[in-house]
PDB file of N, CA and C in Angstrom:
ATOM      1  N   MET A   1     -17.505 -12.716  -4.305  1.00  0.00           N
ATOM      2  CA  MET A   1     -17.589 -11.132  -4.822  1.00  0.00           C
ATOM      3  C   MET A   1     -15.974 -10.815  -4.633  1.00  0.00           C
ATOM      4  N   ALA A   2     -15.705  -9.803  -5.499  1.00  0.00           N
ATOM      5  CA  ALA A   2     -14.052  -9.285  -6.028  1.00  0.00           C
ATOM      6  C   ALA A   2     -13.393 -10.651  -6.086  1.00  0.00           C
ATOM      7  N   GLY A   3     -13.535 -11.639  -6.623  1.00  0.00           N
ATOM      8  CA  GLY A   3     -12.993 -12.556  -6.724  1.00  0.00           C
ATOM      9  C   GLY A   3     -12.393 -13.479  -5.771  1.00  0.00           C
ATOM     10  N   LEU A   4     -12.698 -13.617  -4.760  1.00  0.00           N
ATOM     11  CA  LEU A   4     -12.407 -13.821  -3.503  1.00  0.00           C
ATOM     12  C   LEU A   4     -13.379 -15.097  -2.717  1.00  0.00           C
ATOM     13  N   LYS A   5     -12.846 -16.605  -2.482  1.00  0.00           N
ATOM     14  CA  LYS A   5     -13.956 -16.930  -2.061  1.00  0.00           C
ATOM     15  C   LYS A   5     -14.694 -17.181  -0.733  1.00  0.00           C
ATOM     16  N   ASP A   6     -13.679 -16.597   0.166  1.00  0.00           N
ATOM     17  CA  ASP A   6     -14.083 -16.472   1.700  1.00  0.00           C
ATOM     18  C   ASP A   6     -13.770 -14.958   1.733  1.00  0.00           C
ATOM     19  N   LEU A   7     -14.571 -13.830   1.717  1.00  0.00           N
ATOM     20  CA  LEU A   7     -14.359 -12.571   1.498  1.00  0.00           C
ATOM     21  C   LEU A   7     -14.219 -12.131   3.218  1.00  0.00           C
ATOM     22  N   SER A   8     -13.519 -11.250   3.995  1.00  0.00           N
ATOM     23  CA  SER A   8     -13.300 -11.134   5.272  1.00  0.00           C
ATOM     24  C   SER A   8     -13.101  -9.652   5.353  1.00  0.00           C
ATOM     25  N   LEU A   9     -13.321  -8.958   6.342  1.00  0.00           N
ATOM     26  CA  LEU A   9     -13.202  -7.745   6.868  1.00  0.00           C
ATOM     27  C   LEU A   9     -11.383  -7.382   6.933  1.00  0.00           C
ATOM     28  N   SER A  10     -10.673  -8.634   7.088  1.00  0.00           N
ATOM     29  CA  SER A  10      -9.048  -8.485   6.739  1.00  0.00           C
ATOM     30  C   SER A  10      -9.097  -8.201   5.337  1.00  0.00           C
ATOM     31  N   ASP A  11      -9.362  -8.214   4.539  1.00  0.00           N
ATOM     32  CA  ASP A  11      -9.470  -8.396   3.160  1.00  0.00           C
ATOM     33  C   ASP A  11      -9.815  -6.639   2.615  1.00  0.00           C
ATOM     34  N   VAL A  12     -10.382  -6.348   3.271  1.00  0.00           N
ATOM     35  CA  VAL A  12     -10.811  -4.909   3.118  1.00  0.00           C
ATOM     36  C   VAL A  12     -10.248  -3.399   3.425  1.00  0.00           C
ATOM     37  N   PHE A  13      -9.861  -2.514   3.116  1.00  0.00           N
ATOM     38  CA  PHE A  13      -8.587  -1.184   3.154  1.00  0.00           C
ATOM     39  C   PHE A  13      -9.182  -0.080   2.808  1.00  0.00           C
ATOM     40  N   TRP A  14      -9.477   0.376   3.660  1.00  0.00           N
ATOM     41  CA  TRP A  14      -9.699   1.874   3.770  1.00  0.00           C
ATOM     42  C   TRP A  14      -8.668   2.870   3.062  1.00  0.00           C
ATOM     43  N   VAL A  15      -9.091   3.536   1.642  1.00  0.00           N
ATOM     44  CA  VAL A  15      -8.093   3.971   0.719  1.00  0.00           C
ATOM     45  C   VAL A  15      -8.744   5.636   0.611  1.00  0.00           C
ATOM     46  N   GLY A  16     -10.000   5.718   1.622  1.00  0.00           N
ATOM     47  CA  GLY A  16     -10.769   7.311   1.582  1.00  0.00           C
ATOM     48  C   GLY A  16      -9.733   8.597   1.500  1.00  0.00           C
ATOM     49  N   GLY A  17      -9.149   8.579   2.674  1.00  0.00           N
ATOM     50  CA  GLY A  17      -8.603   9.725   3.144  1.00  0.00           C
ATOM     51  C   GLY A  17      -7.319  10.133   2.243  1.00  0.00           C
ATOM     52  N   ASP A  18      -6.962   9.770   1.435  1.00  0.00           N
ATOM     53  CA  ASP A  18      -5.669   9.816   0.653  1.00  0.00           C
ATOM     54  C   ASP A  18      -6.096  10.830  -0.323  1.00  0.00           C
ATOM     55  N   HIS A  19      -6.114  12.138  -0.723  1.00  0.00           N
ATOM     56  CA  HIS A  19      -6.682  12.847  -1.436  1.00  0.00           C
ATOM     57  C   HIS A  19      -6.419  12.638  -2.799  1.00  0.00           C
ATOM     58  N   SER A  20      -4.786  12.778  -2.968  1.00  0.00           N
ATOM     59  CA  SER A  20      -3.953  12.525  -4.159  1.00  0.00           C
ATOM     60  C   SER A  20      -3.551  11.212  -4.518  1.00  0.00           C
ATOM     61  N   PRO A  21      -4.444  10.213  -4.797  1.00  0.00           N
ATOM     62  CA  PRO A  21      -3.639   8.536  -4.541  1.00  0.00           C
ATOM     63  C   PRO A  21      -2.594   8.802  -5.831  1.00  0.00           C
ATOM     64  N   ILE A  22      -1.870   7.901  -5.862  1.00  0.00           N
ATOM     65  CA  ILE A  22      -0.771   7.693  -6.925  1.00  0.00           C
ATOM     66  C   ILE A  22      -1.267   7.047  -8.361  1.00  0.00           C
ATOM     67  N   HIS A  23      -2.589   6.500  -8.080  1.00  0.00           N
ATOM     68  CA  HIS A  23      -2.939   5.805  -9.754  1.00  0.00           C
ATOM     69  C   HIS A  23      -4.222   6.441  -9.536  1.00  0.00           C
ATOM     70  N   PRO A  24      -4.794   6.495 -10.926  1.00  0.00           N
ATOM     71  CA  PRO A  24      -6.531   7.320 -11.208  1.00  0.00           C
ATOM     72  C   PRO A  24      -7.296   6.183 -10.586  1.00  0.00           C
ATOM     73  N   TYR A  25      -6.837   4.811 -10.723  1.00  0.00           N
ATOM     74  CA  TYR A  25      -8.032   3.666 -10.020  1.00  0.00           C
ATOM     75  C   TYR A  25      -8.421   4.094  -9.105  1.00  0.00           C
ATOM     76  N   LEU A  26      -7.352   4.889  -7.916  1.00  0.00           N
ATOM     77  CA  LEU A  26      -7.697   4.988  -6.327  1.00  0.00           C
ATOM     78  C   LEU A  26      -8.819   6.628  -6.288  1.00  0.00           C
ATOM     79  N   VAL A  27      -8.681   7.445  -7.686  1.00  0.00           N
ATOM     80  CA  VAL A  27      -9.699   8.552  -7.540  1.00  0.00           C
ATOM     81  C   VAL A  27     -10.727   8.532  -6.818  1.00  0.00           C
ATOM     82  N   HIS A  28     -11.155   8.900  -5.736  1.00  0.00           N
ATOM     83  CA  HIS A  28     -12.621   8.951  -5.360  1.00  0.00           C
ATOM     84  C   HIS A  28     -12.734   7.413  -4.615  1.00  0.00           C
ATOM     85  N   ALA A  29     -11.715   6.742  -4.530  1.00  0.00           N
ATOM     86  CA  ALA A  29     -12.122   5.404  -3.924  1.00  0.00           C
ATOM     87  C   ALA A  29     -12.463   5.597  -2.618  1.00  0.00           C
ATOM     88  N   ALA A  30     -13.040   4.709  -2.010  1.00  0.00           N
ATOM     89  CA  ALA A  30     -13.247   4.602  -0.295  1.00  0.00           C
ATOM     90  C   ALA A  30     -12.640   3.347   0.428  1.00  0.00           C
ATOM     91  N   PHE A  31     -12.798   2.484  -0.257  1.00  0.00           N
ATOM     92  CA  PHE A  31     -11.970   0.933   0.213  1.00  0.00           C
ATOM     93  C   PHE A  31     -11.526   0.138  -0.901  1.00  0.00           C
ATOM     94  N   VAL A  32     -10.362  -0.477  -0.703  1.00  0.00           N
ATOM     95  CA  VAL A  32     -10.145  -1.690  -1.687  1.00  0.00           C
ATOM     96  C   VAL A  32     -10.151  -3.034  -1.545  1.00  0.00           C
ATOM     97  N   VAL A  33     -10.502  -4.150  -1.788  1.00  0.00           N
ATOM     98  CA  VAL A  33     -10.610  -5.516  -1.602  1.00  0.00           C
ATOM     99  C   VAL A  33      -9.509  -6.270  -1.972  1.00  0.00           C
ATOM    100  N   VAL A  34      -8.633  -6.480  -1.095  1.00  0.00           N
ATOM    101  CA  VAL A  34      -6.586  -7.427  -1.438  1.00  0.00           C
ATOM    102  C   VAL A  34      -7.134  -9.075  -1.246  1.00  0.00           C
ATOM    103  N   ASN A  35      -6.605  -9.573  -2.216  1.00  0.00           N
ATOM    104  CA  ASN A  35      -6.178 -10.687  -2.434  1.00  0.00           C
ATOM    105  C   ASN A  35      -5.048 -10.937  -1.570  1.00  0.00           C
ATOM    106  N   ARG A  36      -4.943 -11.598  -0.347  1.00  0.00           N
ATOM    107  CA  ARG A  36      -3.849 -11.318   0.781  1.00  0.00           C
ATOM    108  C   ARG A  36      -3.045 -12.987   0.619  1.00  0.00           C
ATOM    109  N   ARG A  37      -3.587 -13.800  -0.666  1.00  0.00           N
ATOM    110  CA  ARG A  37      -2.630 -14.715  -1.205  1.00  0.00           C
ATOM    111  C   ARG A  37      -1.829 -14.327  -2.006  1.00  0.00           C
ATOM    112  N   ILE A  38      -1.923 -13.251  -3.083  1.00  0.00           N
ATOM    113  CA  ILE A  38      -1.056 -13.025  -3.810  1.00  0.00           C
ATOM    114  C   ILE A  38      -0.139 -12.125  -3.492  1.00  0.00           C
ATOM    115  N   LYS A  39       0.898 -12.397  -2.993  1.00  0.00           N
ATOM    116  CA  LYS A  39       1.991 -11.311  -2.394  1.00  0.00           C
ATOM    117  C   LYS A  39       3.403 -11.097  -3.489  1.00  0.00           C
ATOM    118  N   ASN A  40       3.551 -11.928  -3.945  1.00  0.00           N
ATOM    119  CA  ASN A  40       4.814 -11.133  -4.786  1.00  0.00           C
ATOM    120  C   ASN A  40       3.649 -10.837  -6.196  1.00  0.00           C
ATOM    121  N   PRO A  41       4.388  -9.715  -6.380  1.00  0.00           N
ATOM    122  CA  PRO A  41       4.204  -8.816  -7.294  1.00  0.00           C
ATOM    123  C   PRO A  41       4.291  -9.345  -8.648  1.00  0.00           C
ATOM    124  N   ILE A  42       3.897  -9.710  -9.683  1.00  0.00           N
ATOM    125  CA  ILE A  42       3.529 -10.586 -10.742  1.00  0.00           C
ATOM    126  C   ILE A  42       4.682  -9.417 -11.941  1.00  0.00           C
ATOM    127  N   GLN A  43       5.779 -10.043 -12.617  1.00  0.00           N
ATOM    128  CA  GLN A  43       6.037  -9.352 -14.166  1.00  0.00           C
ATOM    129  C   GLN A  43       5.297  -9.345 -14.913  1.00  0.00           C
ATOM    130  N   THR A  44       4.719  -8.327 -15.156  1.00  0.00           N
ATOM    131  CA  THR A  44       3.422  -8.343 -16.100  1.00  0.00           C
ATOM    132  C   THR A  44       4.038  -8.021 -18.052  1.00  0.00           C
ATOM    133  N   ALA A  45       3.784  -8.481 -18.564  1.00  0.00           N
ATOM    134  CA  ALA A  45       3.754  -7.755 -19.827  1.00  0.00           C
ATOM    135  C   ALA A  45       3.477  -6.550 -20.621  1.00  0.00           C
ATOM    136  N   ALA A  46       2.598  -6.027 -19.741  1.00  0.00           N
ATOM    137  CA  ALA A  46       1.229  -4.693 -19.416  1.00  0.00           C
ATOM    138  C   ALA A  46       2.443  -3.755 -20.120  1.00  0.00           C
ATOM    139  N   ARG A  47       2.294  -3.045 -21.086  1.00  0.00           N
ATOM    140  CA  ARG A  47       3.085  -1.986 -21.419  1.00  0.00           C
ATOM    141  C   ARG A  47       2.669  -0.546 -20.480  1.00  0.00           C
ATOM    142  N   THR A  48       1.216  -0.856 -20.036  1.00  0.00           N
ATOM    143  CA  THR A  48       0.810   0.178 -19.919  1.00  0.00           C
ATOM    144  C   THR A  48       0.458   0.289 -18.591  1.00  0.00           C
ATOM    145  N   LEU A  49       0.495   1.125 -17.361  1.00  0.00           N
ATOM    146  CA  LEU A  49      -0.152   1.265 -15.946  1.00  0.00           C
ATOM    147  C   LEU A  49      -1.310   1.365 -15.630  1.00  0.00           C
ATOM    148  N   TRP A  50      -2.575   1.253 -16.563  1.00  0.00           N
ATOM    149  CA  TRP A  50      -3.269   1.139 -16.858  1.00  0.00           C
ATOM    150  C   TRP A  50      -3.854  -0.440 -16.592  1.00  0.00           C
ATOM    151  N   ALA A  51      -2.733  -1.486 -17.251  1.00  0.00           N
ATOM    152  CA  ALA A  51      -2.814  -2.936 -17.139  1.00  0.00           C
ATOM    153  C   ALA A  51      -1.943  -3.541 -16.598  1.00  0.00           C
ATOM    154  N   GLN A  52      -1.663  -2.872 -15.463  1.00  0.00           N
ATOM    155  CA  GLN A  52      -0.804  -3.524 -14.300  1.00  0.00           C
ATOM    156  C   GLN A  52      -1.382  -3.681 -13.447  1.00  0.00           C
ATOM    157  N   PRO A  53      -1.379  -4.470 -12.390  1.00  0.00           N
ATOM    158  CA  PRO A  53      -2.434  -5.077 -10.730  1.00  0.00           C
ATOM    159  C   PRO A  53      -1.620  -4.342  -9.806  1.00  0.00           C
ATOM    160  N   LEU A  54      -2.481  -3.877  -9.254  1.00  0.00           N
ATOM    161  CA  LEU A  54      -2.629  -2.800  -7.769  1.00  0.00           C
ATOM    162  C   LEU A  54      -2.237  -3.318  -7.074  1.00  0.00           C
ATOM    163  N   TYR A  55      -1.431  -3.074  -5.802  1.00  0.00           N
ATOM    164  CA  TYR A  55      -1.146  -4.192  -4.602  1.00  0.00           C
ATOM    165  C   TYR A  55      -0.773  -2.866  -3.408  1.00  0.00           C
ATOM    166  N   MET A  56      -1.193  -3.479  -2.360  1.00  0.00           N
ATOM    167  CA  MET A  56      -1.292  -2.968  -1.224  1.00  0.00           C
ATOM    168  C   MET A  56       0.035  -3.425  -0.331  1.00  0.00           C
ATOM    169  N   VAL A  57       1.028  -2.026   0.082  1.00  0.00           N
ATOM    170  CA  VAL A  57       2.079  -2.623   0.661  1.00  0.00           C
ATOM    171  C   VAL A  57       2.385  -1.884   2.390  1.00  0.00           C
ATOM    172  N   LEU A  58       2.522  -2.115   2.733  1.00  0.00           N
ATOM    173  CA  LEU A  58       2.786  -1.929   4.261  1.00  0.00           C
ATOM    174  C   LEU A  58       3.997  -1.610   4.531  1.00  0.00           C
ATOM    175  N   LYS A  59       3.973  -0.189   5.215  1.00  0.00           N
ATOM    176  CA  LYS A  59       5.541  -0.161   5.223  1.00  0.00           C
ATOM    177  C   LYS A  59       5.719  -0.026   6.771  1.00  0.00           C
ATOM    178  N   ARG A  60       7.067  -0.234   6.939  1.00  0.00           N
ATOM    179  CA  ARG A  60       7.091  -0.273   8.811  1.00  0.00           C
ATOM    180  C   ARG A  60       6.820   0.383   9.146  1.00  0.00           C
ATOM    181  N   ASP A  61       6.663   1.491   9.000  1.00  0.00           N
ATOM    182  CA  ASP A  61       5.917   2.773   9.959  1.00  0.00           C
ATOM    183  C   ASP A  61       4.809   2.755  10.217  1.00  0.00           C
ATOM    184  N   GLY A  62       3.630   1.899   9.475  1.00  0.00           N
ATOM    185  CA  GLY A  62       2.377   1.684   9.523  1.00  0.00           C
ATOM    186  C   GLY A  62       1.892   2.352   8.862  1.00  0.00           C
ATOM    187  N   SER A  63       2.056   2.926   7.774  1.00  0.00           N
ATOM    188  CA  SER A  63       1.164   3.836   6.533  1.00  0.00           C
ATOM    189  C   SER A  63       1.279   2.704   5.625  1.00  0.00           C
ATOM    190  N   PHE A  64       0.595   2.628   4.717  1.00  0.00           N
ATOM    191  CA  PHE A  64       0.199   2.113   3.550  1.00  0.00           C
ATOM    192  C   PHE A  64       0.499   2.848   2.027  1.00  0.00           C
ATOM    193  N   LEU A  65       0.548   2.098   1.022  1.00  0.00           N
ATOM    194  CA  LEU A  65       1.075   2.362   0.003  1.00  0.00           C
ATOM    195  C   LEU A  65      -0.115   1.400  -0.842  1.00  0.00           C
ATOM    196  N   CYS A  66      -0.357   2.184  -2.081  1.00  0.00           N
ATOM    197  CA  CYS A  66      -1.451   1.186  -3.164  1.00  0.00           C
ATOM    198  C   CYS A  66      -1.008   1.595  -4.157  1.00  0.00           C
ATOM    199  N   GLY A  67      -0.219   0.631  -5.593  1.00  0.00           N
ATOM    200  CA  GLY A  67       0.048   1.151  -6.994  1.00  0.00           C
ATOM    201  C   GLY A  67       0.817   0.031  -7.190  1.00  0.00           C
ATOM    202  N   ALA A  68       1.317   0.276  -8.461  1.00  0.00           N
ATOM    203  CA  ALA A  68       2.044  -1.001  -9.158  1.00  0.00           C
ATOM    204  C   ALA A  68       2.974  -1.285  -8.853  1.00  0.00           C
ATOM    205  N   CYS A  69       3.881  -2.777  -8.609  1.00  0.00           N
ATOM    206  CA  CYS A  69       4.446  -2.331  -7.869  1.00  0.00           C
ATOM    207  C   CYS A  69       5.993  -4.109  -8.377  1.00  0.00           C
ATOM    208  N   THR A  70       6.395  -3.459  -8.436  1.00  0.00           N
ATOM    209  CA  THR A  70       7.995  -4.625  -8.812  1.00  0.00           C
ATOM    210  C   THR A  70       8.804  -5.236  -7.716  1.00  0.00           C
ATOM    211  N   LEU A  71       8.998  -6.514  -8.116  1.00  0.00           N
ATOM    212  CA  LEU A  71       9.703  -7.037  -6.887  1.00  0.00           C
ATOM    213  C   LEU A  71      10.965  -7.560  -7.405  1.00  0.00           C
ATOM    214  N   LYS A  72      12.432  -7.075  -7.111  1.00  0.00           N
ATOM    215  CA  LYS A  72      13.571  -7.569  -7.899  1.00  0.00           C
ATOM    216  C   LYS A  72      14.566  -7.509  -6.766  1.00  0.00           C
ATOM    217  N   ASP A  73      15.261  -8.887  -6.857  1.00  0.00           N
ATOM    218  CA  ASP A  73      16.958  -8.786  -6.117  1.00  0.00           C
ATOM    219  C   ASP A  73      16.515  -7.946  -4.346  1.00  0.00           C
ATOM    220  N   GLY A  74      15.368  -8.449  -4.131  1.00  0.00           N
ATOM    221  CA  GLY A  74      14.716  -7.758  -2.456  1.00  0.00           C
ATOM    222  C   GLY A  74      14.305  -6.181  -2.246  1.00  0.00           C
ATOM    223  N   LEU A  75      14.582  -5.940  -3.819  1.00  0.00           N
ATOM    224  CA  LEU A  75      13.944  -4.521  -3.763  1.00  0.00           C
ATOM    225  C   LEU A  75      12.393  -3.736  -4.278  1.00  0.00           C
ATOM    226  N   LEU A  76      11.563  -3.853  -3.529  1.00  0.00           N
ATOM    227  CA  LEU A  76      10.263  -3.578  -3.642  1.00  0.00           C
ATOM    228  C   LEU A  76       9.892  -2.295  -4.033  1.00  0.00           C
ATOM    229  N   SER A  77       9.855  -1.774  -5.870  1.00  0.00           N
ATOM    230  CA  SER A  77       9.298  -0.531  -6.286  1.00  0.00           C
ATOM    231  C   SER A  77       7.860  -0.386  -6.387  1.00  0.00           C
ATOM    232  N   VAL A  78       7.454   0.782  -5.810  1.00  0.00           N
ATOM    233  CA  VAL A  78       6.500   0.863  -6.448  1.00  0.00           C
ATOM    234  C   VAL A  78       5.948   2.479  -7.304  1.00  0.00           C
ATOM    235  N   TYR A  79       5.196   2.290  -8.126  1.00  0.00           N
ATOM    236  CA  TYR A  79       5.606   2.939  -9.206  1.00  0.00           C
ATOM    237  C   TYR A  79       4.138   3.908  -9.257  1.00  0.00           C
ATOM    238  N   PRO A  80       4.388   5.149  -9.455  1.00  0.00           N
ATOM    239  CA  PRO A  80       3.174   6.392  -9.505  1.00  0.00           C
ATOM    240  C   PRO A  80       2.428   5.868 -11.218  1.00  0.00           C
ATOM    241  N   TYR A  81       0.750   6.162 -11.330  1.00  0.00           N
ATOM    242  CA  TYR A  81       1.065   6.957 -12.370  1.00  0.00           C
ATOM    243  C   TYR A  81       1.545   7.922 -13.092  1.00  0.00           C
ATOM    244  N   PRO A  82       1.763   7.745 -14.512  1.00  0.00           N
ATOM    245  CA  PRO A  82       3.089   8.911 -14.662  1.00  0.00           C
ATOM    246  C   PRO A  82       2.337  10.196 -14.892  1.00  0.00           C
ATOM    247  N   ASP A  83       0.711  10.688 -14.908  1.00  0.00           N
ATOM    248  CA  ASP A  83       0.467  11.909 -14.375  1.00  0.00           C
ATOM    249  C   ASP A  83       0.438  12.293 -12.942  1.00  0.00           C
ATOM    250  N   ARG A  84       0.966  11.350 -11.966  1.00  0.00           N
ATOM    251  CA  ARG A  84       0.971  11.948 -10.205  1.00  0.00           C
ATOM    252  C   ARG A  84       2.420  12.521 -10.511  1.00  0.00           C
ATOM    253  N   PRO A  85       2.418  13.402  -9.607  1.00  0.00           N
ATOM    254  CA  PRO A  85       3.672  14.134  -8.737  1.00  0.00           C
ATOM    255  C   PRO A  85       4.136  13.413  -8.053  1.00  0.00           C
ATOM    256  N   PHE A  86       4.377  12.218  -8.226  1.00  0.00           N
ATOM    257  CA  PHE A  86       5.399  11.499  -7.607  1.00  0.00           C
ATOM    258  C   PHE A  86       6.565  10.373  -7.890  1.00  0.00           C
ATOM    259  N   VAL A  87       7.406  10.116  -7.125  1.00  0.00           N
ATOM    260  CA  VAL A  87       8.443   9.395  -7.604  1.00  0.00           C
ATOM    261  C   VAL A  87       8.247   8.435  -7.322  1.00  0.00           C
ATOM    262  N   PRO A  88       8.511   7.324  -7.986  1.00  0.00           N
ATOM    263  CA  PRO A  88       8.728   5.677  -7.944  1.00  0.00           C
ATOM    264  C   PRO A  88       9.438   5.418  -6.369  1.00  0.00           C
ATOM    265  N   ARG A  89       9.037   4.703  -5.590  1.00  0.00           N
ATOM    266  CA  ARG A  89       9.117   4.642  -4.032  1.00  0.00           C
ATOM    267  C   ARG A  89      10.079   2.846  -4.499  1.00  0.00           C
ATOM    268  N   GLN A  90      11.169   2.987  -3.549  1.00  0.00           N
ATOM    269  CA  GLN A  90      12.001   1.854  -3.754  1.00  0.00           C
ATOM    270  C   GLN A  90      12.084   1.302  -2.223  1.00  0.00           C
ATOM    271  N   LEU A  91      11.933  -0.117  -1.651  1.00  0.00           N
ATOM    272  CA  LEU A  91      11.556  -0.487  -0.515  1.00  0.00           C
ATOM    273  C   LEU A  91      12.464  -1.548  -0.667  1.00  0.00           C
ATOM    274  N   ARG A  92      13.045  -1.922   0.840  1.00  0.00           N
ATOM    275  CA  ARG A  92      13.591  -2.854   0.940  1.00  0.00           C
ATOM    276  C   ARG A  92      12.343  -4.391   1.635  1.00  0.00           C
ATOM    277  N   ASP A  93      11.914  -4.984   0.426  1.00  0.00           N
ATOM    278  CA  ASP A  93      11.550  -6.084   0.947  1.00  0.00           C
ATOM    279  C   ASP A  93      11.482  -6.665   2.403  1.00  0.00           C
ATOM    280  N   GLY A  94      10.775  -6.516   3.218  1.00  0.00           N
ATOM    281  CA  GLY A  94      10.924  -7.360   4.635  1.00  0.00           C
ATOM    282  C   GLY A  94      11.593  -6.889   5.612  1.00  0.00           C
ATOM    283  N   PHE A  95      12.054  -5.370   5.367  1.00  0.00           N
ATOM    284  CA  PHE A  95      12.634  -4.568   6.166  1.00  0.00           C
ATOM    285  C   PHE A  95      11.658  -3.207   5.815  1.00  0.00           C
ATOM    286  N   ASP A  96      11.912  -2.537   5.119  1.00  0.00           N
ATOM    287  CA  ASP A  96      11.301  -1.306   5.023  1.00  0.00           C
ATOM    288  C   ASP A  96       9.423  -1.470   4.761  1.00  0.00           C
ATOM    289  N   ALA A  97       9.228  -2.635   3.935  1.00  0.00           N
ATOM    290  CA  ALA A  97       7.932  -2.895   3.734  1.00  0.00           C
ATOM    291  C   ALA A  97       7.862  -4.486   3.444  1.00  0.00           C
ATOM    292  N   GLU A  98       6.646  -4.704   3.116  1.00  0.00           N
ATOM    293  CA  GLU A  98       6.471  -5.841   2.717  1.00  0.00           C
ATOM    294  C   GLU A  98       4.643  -5.841   1.706  1.00  0.00           C
ATOM    295  N   VAL A  99       4.412  -6.469   0.986  1.00  0.00           N
ATOM    296  CA  VAL A  99       2.989  -6.765   0.483  1.00  0.00           C
ATOM    297  C   VAL A  99       2.176  -7.590   0.926  1.00  0.00           C
ATOM    298  N   ILE A 100       0.943  -6.857   1.186  1.00  0.00           N
ATOM    299  CA  ILE A 100      -0.028  -7.330   1.585  1.00  0.00           C
ATOM    300  C   ILE A 100      -0.853  -8.198   0.709  1.00  0.00           C
ATOM    301  N   GLY A 101      -1.195  -7.657  -0.351  1.00  0.00           N
ATOM    302  CA  GLY A 101      -1.485  -8.247  -1.321  1.00  0.00           C
ATOM    303  C   GLY A 101      -2.135  -7.810  -2.377  1.00  0.00           C
ATOM    304  N   GLN A 102      -2.700  -8.693  -3.464  1.00  0.00           N
ATOM    305  CA  GLN A 102      -2.799  -7.528  -5.012  1.00  0.00           C
ATOM    306  C   GLN A 102      -4.824  -7.425  -4.934  1.00  0.00           C
ATOM    307  N   VAL A 103      -4.859  -6.330  -4.947  1.00  0.00           N
ATOM    308  CA  VAL A 103      -6.454  -5.176  -5.269  1.00  0.00           C
ATOM    309  C   VAL A 103      -7.045  -6.365  -6.425  1.00  0.00           C
ATOM    310  N   THR A 104      -7.974  -6.367  -5.748  1.00  0.00           N
ATOM    311  CA  THR A 104      -8.788  -7.518  -6.729  1.00  0.00           C
ATOM    312  C   THR A 104     -10.297  -6.393  -7.090  1.00  0.00           C
ATOM    313  N   ALA A 105     -10.353  -5.440  -6.054  1.00  0.00           N
ATOM    314  CA  ALA A 105     -11.620  -4.260  -6.744  1.00  0.00           C
ATOM    315  C   ALA A 105     -11.499  -2.909  -6.032  1.00  0.00           C
ATOM    316  N   VAL A 106     -12.357  -2.084  -6.357  1.00  0.00           N
ATOM    317  CA  VAL A 106     -12.064  -0.847  -5.373  1.00  0.00           C
ATOM    318  C   VAL A 106     -13.477  -0.706  -5.752  1.00  0.00           C
ATOM    319  N   VAL A 107     -13.833   0.069  -4.260  1.00  0.00           N
ATOM    320  CA  VAL A 107     -15.034   1.026  -4.019  1.00  0.00           C
ATOM    321  C   VAL A 107     -15.060   1.774  -3.932  1.00  0.00           C
ATOM    322  N   ARG A 108     -16.059   2.819  -4.760  1.00  0.00           N
ATOM    323  CA  ARG A 108     -16.237   4.249  -5.111  1.00  0.00           C
ATOM    324  C   ARG A 108     -17.293   4.972  -3.886  1.00  0.00           C
ATOM    325  N   ARG A 109     -16.722   5.792  -3.543  1.00  0.00           N
ATOM    326  CA  ARG A 109     -17.824   6.923  -3.025  1.00  0.00           C
ATOM    327  C   ARG A 109     -18.854   7.419  -4.345  1.00  0.00           C
ATOM    328  N   LEU A 110     -19.859   7.519  -3.520  1.00  0.00           N
ATOM    329  CA  LEU A 110     -21.069   8.051  -4.704  1.00  0.00           C
ATOM    330  C   LEU A 110     -20.976   9.847  -4.670  1.00  0.00           C
ATOM    331  N   GLN A 111     -20.664  10.238  -5.452  1.00  0.00           N
ATOM    332  CA  GLN A 111     -20.451  11.573  -5.603  1.00  0.00           C
ATOM    333  C   GLN A 111     -21.670  12.244  -5.555  1.00  0.00           C
TER     334      GLN A 111
END
């Protein structure tokens, strides 16, 4: 399930409280499944944000961000989808935030 060999509750994160997510994949989502072994955002050749993987990011204040990320020179950048009213967030990796893992599945609520 979700591409993980040994899925546990530690791999599941609730995202249902975000009524205005930064990526369309997360609209009406209740949970995401995260591969905690993939902590370094890959530099992808994907030209669109639809094709880029999502990552779960833990901020030092205890809140979470879920979106497309890059990590370069110790700076973690979380990018919103272009039609969202958010600006990219830049955080110092290991100080302001850390990547929990790559999102492998999105579980949606039935409407």
